[in-house]
Protein backbone atom coordinates (compact mmCIF):
# COMPACT_ATOMS: atom_id res chain seq x y z
CA UNK A 1 166.43 99.80 66.82
CA UNK A 2 165.17 96.77 68.28
CA UNK A 3 161.86 95.73 66.76
CA UNK A 4 159.83 92.65 68.10
CA UNK A 5 156.71 92.41 66.87
CA UNK A 6 154.21 89.57 68.10
CA UNK A 7 151.56 89.57 64.90
CA UNK A 8 151.97 88.05 61.93
CA UNK A 9 151.95 91.27 59.87
CA UNK A 10 155.35 92.26 61.13
CA UNK A 11 156.67 88.59 61.64
CA UNK A 12 159.45 89.14 59.08
CA UNK A 13 161.14 91.97 60.84
CA UNK A 14 164.62 90.95 60.47
CA UNK A 15 165.53 89.90 64.14
CA UNK A 16 168.67 91.07 66.52
CA UNK A 17 170.63 87.53 66.30
CA UNK A 18 172.41 88.21 69.34
CA UNK A 19 173.62 91.83 68.58
CA UNK A 20 173.42 94.55 71.65
CA UNK A 21 170.18 96.11 71.85
CA UNK A 22 169.56 99.37 69.96
CA UNK A 23 168.62 102.87 72.00
CA UNK A 24 164.95 102.36 71.48
CA UNK A 25 163.66 98.79 72.00
CA UNK A 26 159.56 98.52 70.25
CA UNK A 27 157.03 95.87 71.11
CA UNK A 28 153.95 95.06 69.39
CA UNK A 29 151.34 93.03 71.35
CA UNK A 30 147.55 93.13 71.33
CA UNK A 31 147.57 96.15 69.54
CA UNK A 32 149.68 97.59 71.78
CA UNK A 33 152.93 99.12 70.56
CA UNK A 34 155.60 99.49 73.54
CA UNK A 35 158.51 101.85 72.81
CA UNK A 36 161.31 102.19 75.06
CA UNK A 37 164.03 104.51 75.11
CA UNK A 38 167.07 102.23 76.06
CA UNK A 39 170.22 104.03 77.62
CA UNK A 40 169.63 103.16 81.19
CA UNK A 41 173.14 103.86 81.82
CA UNK A 42 172.96 107.41 80.66
CA UNK A 43 169.62 107.69 82.16
CA UNK A 44 167.98 107.54 78.73
CA UNK A 45 169.67 110.89 77.78
CA UNK A 46 168.75 112.04 74.02
CA UNK A 47 171.27 111.31 71.34
CA UNK A 48 171.45 111.11 67.49
CA UNK A 49 171.44 107.72 67.51
CA UNK A 50 168.27 107.32 70.04
CA UNK A 51 166.31 110.00 67.87
CA UNK A 52 167.41 107.95 64.74
CA UNK A 53 165.80 104.95 66.14
CA UNK A 54 163.24 106.65 67.87
CA UNK A 55 161.83 108.15 64.34
CA UNK A 56 162.37 104.58 62.87
CA UNK A 57 160.21 102.89 65.56
CA UNK A 58 157.51 105.44 65.03
CA UNK A 59 157.54 104.95 61.45
CA UNK A 60 157.09 101.42 61.56
CA UNK A 61 154.20 101.60 63.86
CA UNK A 62 152.25 104.25 62.18
CA UNK A 63 152.65 102.16 59.01
CA UNK A 64 150.83 98.74 61.15
CA UNK A 65 147.13 98.71 60.98
CA UNK A 66 147.08 96.30 63.83
CA UNK A 67 148.57 98.91 66.20
CA UNK A 68 145.80 101.24 68.41
CA UNK A 69 147.34 102.38 70.39
CA UNK A 70 151.63 103.52 71.35
CA UNK A 71 153.21 103.67 75.16
CA UNK A 72 156.21 105.36 75.04
CA UNK A 73 158.60 104.83 78.55
CA UNK A 74 162.14 104.54 79.50
CA UNK A 75 164.64 101.44 80.22
CA UNK A 76 165.59 101.23 83.74
CA UNK A 77 165.03 103.87 86.28
CA UNK A 78 163.95 107.33 84.30
CA UNK A 79 162.29 108.64 81.58
CA UNK A 80 164.25 110.41 79.45
CA UNK A 81 166.45 113.22 81.54
CA UNK A 82 167.06 115.05 78.05
CA UNK A 83 170.15 116.56 76.95
CA UNK A 84 173.51 113.95 77.17
CA UNK A 85 176.37 116.84 78.23
CA UNK A 86 178.89 114.10 79.51
CA UNK A 87 178.46 112.07 76.27
CA UNK A 88 181.36 112.11 73.54
CA UNK A 89 180.72 114.58 70.67
CA UNK A 90 180.01 112.65 68.27
CA UNK A 91 177.21 111.07 69.78
CA UNK A 92 175.51 114.59 70.50
CA UNK A 93 172.54 116.28 68.68
CA UNK A 94 174.27 119.27 68.78
CA UNK A 95 178.35 119.46 68.15
CA UNK A 96 179.13 122.83 68.09
CA UNK A 97 181.53 122.28 65.61
CA UNK A 98 179.55 123.03 62.38
CA UNK A 99 176.37 125.23 62.00
CA UNK A 100 175.35 123.47 58.87
CA UNK A 101 175.71 120.18 60.62
CA UNK A 102 173.92 121.18 63.93
CA UNK A 103 171.18 122.46 61.88
CA UNK A 104 170.38 119.51 60.30
CA UNK A 105 170.88 117.12 63.16
CA UNK A 106 168.78 119.38 64.91
CA UNK A 107 166.16 119.25 61.93
CA UNK A 108 165.71 115.67 62.18
CA UNK A 109 165.41 115.26 65.96
CA UNK A 110 162.71 117.83 65.65
CA UNK A 111 161.10 115.78 62.95
CA UNK A 112 160.39 113.04 65.32
CA UNK A 113 158.42 115.43 67.78
CA UNK A 114 156.50 116.25 64.65
CA UNK A 115 155.52 112.70 64.01
CA UNK A 116 154.98 111.78 67.60
CA UNK A 117 152.54 114.24 68.10
CA UNK A 118 150.97 113.49 64.42
CA UNK A 119 150.82 109.67 65.19
CA UNK A 120 147.08 108.14 64.24
CA UNK A 121 146.86 106.27 67.49
CA UNK A 122 146.71 107.37 70.56
CA UNK A 123 149.86 107.86 72.58
CA UNK A 124 150.59 107.86 76.33
CA UNK A 125 153.92 108.44 77.87
CA UNK A 126 154.78 106.59 81.04
CA UNK A 127 156.61 108.39 83.45
CA UNK A 128 158.91 107.20 85.80
CA UNK A 129 162.13 109.00 87.66
CA UNK A 130 163.82 111.91 85.44
CA UNK A 131 161.59 113.83 82.81
CA UNK A 132 163.67 116.80 81.66
CA UNK A 133 164.66 118.83 78.85
CA UNK A 134 164.08 117.14 75.22
CA UNK A 135 162.71 114.16 77.64
CA UNK A 136 159.66 116.82 78.78
CA UNK A 137 159.49 117.80 75.02
CA UNK A 138 158.67 113.55 74.01
CA UNK A 139 156.34 113.30 77.06
CA UNK A 140 154.64 116.35 76.10
CA UNK A 141 154.26 115.68 72.23
CA UNK A 142 152.12 112.02 73.51
CA UNK A 143 148.51 112.46 74.28
CA UNK A 144 148.52 111.55 77.58
CA UNK A 145 151.01 111.36 80.32
CA UNK A 146 151.07 109.33 83.26
CA UNK A 147 153.75 109.62 85.69
CA UNK A 148 154.73 107.78 89.13
CA UNK A 149 154.08 109.76 92.10
CA UNK A 150 158.50 109.66 92.35
CA UNK A 151 158.98 111.26 88.66
CA UNK A 152 160.44 114.65 88.63
CA UNK A 153 160.43 117.25 86.09
CA UNK A 154 162.48 119.98 84.69
CA UNK A 155 162.50 122.45 81.75
CA UNK A 156 166.30 122.24 82.19
CA UNK A 157 167.50 124.29 79.01
CA UNK A 158 168.12 128.23 80.71
CA UNK A 159 169.62 126.46 83.81
CA UNK A 160 172.24 125.24 81.63
CA UNK A 161 173.19 127.44 78.90
CA UNK A 162 170.39 127.04 76.27
CA UNK A 163 167.44 128.88 75.08
CA UNK A 164 165.38 125.41 74.65
CA UNK A 165 164.96 122.81 71.39
CA UNK A 166 162.94 119.90 70.42
CA UNK A 167 159.44 122.39 70.57
CA UNK A 168 159.95 122.63 74.51
CA UNK A 169 158.40 126.00 74.57
CA UNK A 170 155.51 125.66 71.69
CA UNK A 171 154.43 122.03 73.28
CA UNK A 172 154.69 124.02 77.12
CA UNK A 173 152.44 127.19 75.54
CA UNK A 174 150.01 124.84 74.10
CA UNK A 175 149.91 122.31 76.90
CA UNK A 176 149.43 124.84 79.84
CA UNK A 177 148.80 127.94 78.69
CA UNK A 178 150.95 131.08 77.98
CA UNK A 179 151.96 132.35 81.76
CA UNK A 180 152.76 128.82 83.06
CA UNK A 181 155.11 127.76 79.95
CA UNK A 182 156.75 131.15 80.71
CA UNK A 183 157.27 130.72 84.64
CA UNK A 184 158.45 127.03 83.71
CA UNK A 185 160.51 127.55 81.14
CA UNK A 186 162.26 131.12 82.28
CA UNK A 187 162.84 129.55 86.14
CA UNK A 188 163.58 126.00 85.80
CA UNK A 189 163.48 124.05 88.58
CA UNK A 190 162.77 120.78 89.42
CA UNK A 191 159.12 119.31 89.63
CA UNK A 192 157.68 116.85 91.69
CA UNK A 193 154.46 114.95 90.16
CA UNK A 194 152.30 116.47 92.46
CA UNK A 195 153.29 119.93 91.02
CA UNK A 196 153.74 119.01 87.61
CA UNK A 197 150.06 117.81 87.84
CA UNK A 198 148.63 120.86 89.65
CA UNK A 199 150.28 123.09 86.53
CA UNK A 200 148.59 120.91 83.86
CA UNK A 201 152.17 118.94 82.50
CA UNK A 202 150.24 115.84 83.06
CA UNK A 203 147.28 113.51 83.06
CA UNK A 204 147.55 111.43 86.14
CA UNK A 205 150.26 110.86 88.84
CA UNK A 206 149.98 107.64 91.01
CA UNK A 207 151.61 105.46 93.10
CA UNK A 208 154.95 103.87 91.47
CA UNK A 209 153.60 100.50 92.29
CA UNK A 210 150.38 100.41 90.11
CA UNK A 211 151.87 102.80 87.32
CA UNK A 212 152.34 99.70 84.53
CA UNK A 213 148.14 98.66 85.92
CA UNK A 214 147.10 102.29 85.16
CA UNK A 215 149.00 102.77 81.76
CA UNK A 216 147.75 99.12 80.89
CA UNK A 217 143.91 99.67 81.56
CA UNK A 218 143.91 102.67 79.51
CA UNK A 219 146.02 101.57 76.68
CA UNK A 220 143.23 98.56 76.64
CA UNK A 221 140.31 101.25 76.56
CA UNK A 222 141.89 102.70 73.34
CA UNK A 223 142.34 98.81 71.88
CA UNK A 224 138.35 98.26 72.50
CA UNK A 225 137.63 101.94 70.97
CA UNK A 226 136.69 102.84 67.46
CA UNK A 227 139.68 103.35 65.80
CA UNK A 228 138.43 106.09 63.08
CA UNK A 229 136.70 107.69 65.79
CA UNK A 230 139.38 108.18 67.74
CA UNK A 231 142.34 108.66 64.65
CA UNK A 232 139.07 111.61 63.78
CA UNK A 233 139.36 113.04 67.67
CA UNK A 234 142.74 112.97 67.20
CA UNK A 235 143.07 115.23 64.21
CA UNK A 236 139.40 117.42 65.39
CA UNK A 237 141.96 118.07 68.69
CA UNK A 238 145.12 119.19 66.58
CA UNK A 239 143.08 121.32 64.27
CA UNK A 240 141.33 123.33 67.47
CA UNK A 241 144.57 124.82 68.02
CA UNK A 242 145.63 125.51 64.22
CA UNK A 243 143.04 126.66 62.26
CA UNK A 244 140.26 129.22 62.37
CA UNK A 245 136.45 128.09 63.58
CA UNK A 246 134.88 128.29 59.98
CA UNK A 247 137.77 126.04 58.94
CA UNK A 248 137.63 123.75 61.42
CA UNK A 249 134.06 123.63 60.97
CA UNK A 250 134.36 122.11 57.59
CA UNK A 251 136.91 119.44 58.59
CA UNK A 252 134.76 118.54 61.44
CA UNK A 253 132.29 117.86 59.62
CA UNK A 254 133.91 116.00 56.60
CA UNK A 255 135.56 113.63 59.21
CA UNK A 256 132.17 112.84 61.05
CA UNK A 257 130.34 112.10 57.49
CA UNK A 258 133.27 109.97 56.60
CA UNK A 259 132.88 107.79 59.90
CA UNK A 260 129.31 107.71 59.86
CA UNK A 261 129.13 105.59 56.55
CA UNK A 262 131.56 103.31 57.79
CA UNK A 263 130.97 99.78 59.33
CA UNK A 264 132.33 100.57 62.95
CA UNK A 265 129.65 103.01 63.09
CA UNK A 266 126.83 100.41 61.77
CA UNK A 267 128.65 97.99 64.46
CA UNK A 268 128.37 100.80 67.55
CA UNK A 269 124.68 101.13 66.54
CA UNK A 270 123.81 97.46 66.57
CA UNK A 271 125.53 96.90 69.69
CA UNK A 272 123.81 99.41 71.39
CA UNK A 273 120.46 98.29 70.39
CA UNK A 274 121.47 94.52 71.34
CA UNK A 275 123.19 95.81 74.79
CA UNK A 276 126.53 94.42 74.06
CA UNK A 277 129.80 95.37 73.83
CA UNK A 278 131.09 96.39 70.07
CA UNK A 279 133.39 94.81 68.02
CA UNK A 280 135.46 97.49 66.16
CA UNK A 281 137.59 96.88 62.86
CA UNK A 282 138.66 100.53 61.91
CA UNK A 283 136.47 100.13 58.58
């Protein structure tokens, strides 16, 4: 993985020294972390190395207090087309030779989906080109999905003889509901951005030429927002799908009370009274 921070905290990161770029590139600038899947020659298809590098990048970002939003995207013309069927067996997550090895590899790759969902800051998938199979899982694990009109989506697994991995059925069910998830999973077909938006897979489907601008605008909104409030809202949203109401409400109340005594809450109050933009510090 190539990690290129642009702030003092991470300035001690070991430079690349001219080595070939890794399967994931990460830059941090103005509190925005941009993570790029970097196998453009394979349409950013998933490999063991890519998932390992992605896990490393997400861990680094989550430990960096300066980061307030993450953009996940792909290098080149595609987001991620999922499993790389044409690659050498040694690069594949599932090799089909040793069940013990395949299970361990799949568990490690699946943990990346868990890590992406549990990120303390908001995540935005910026999608161009192909987004299929495990690539669709990565996109659905993000909080927001903004896609170019020319992007193409496909669950793909059943069509190539697999039942699905990287939590795609779980994610689909929570994003679009049970009936739509079954349709998308069991009857795989290519979906345009417009169709994906209508099904509820996307936050927005926009003109190719404005994708980067729109994602940048959303990222800056998160940078300007109160970090503790955003983190608490994310935790509330995650808990809303897994916890009974009585348990959920207890946690929601605790989070609100904790944030209400923060410096940022007072800053929000004072800024409102003074009719100015608040300056949040995350405390």
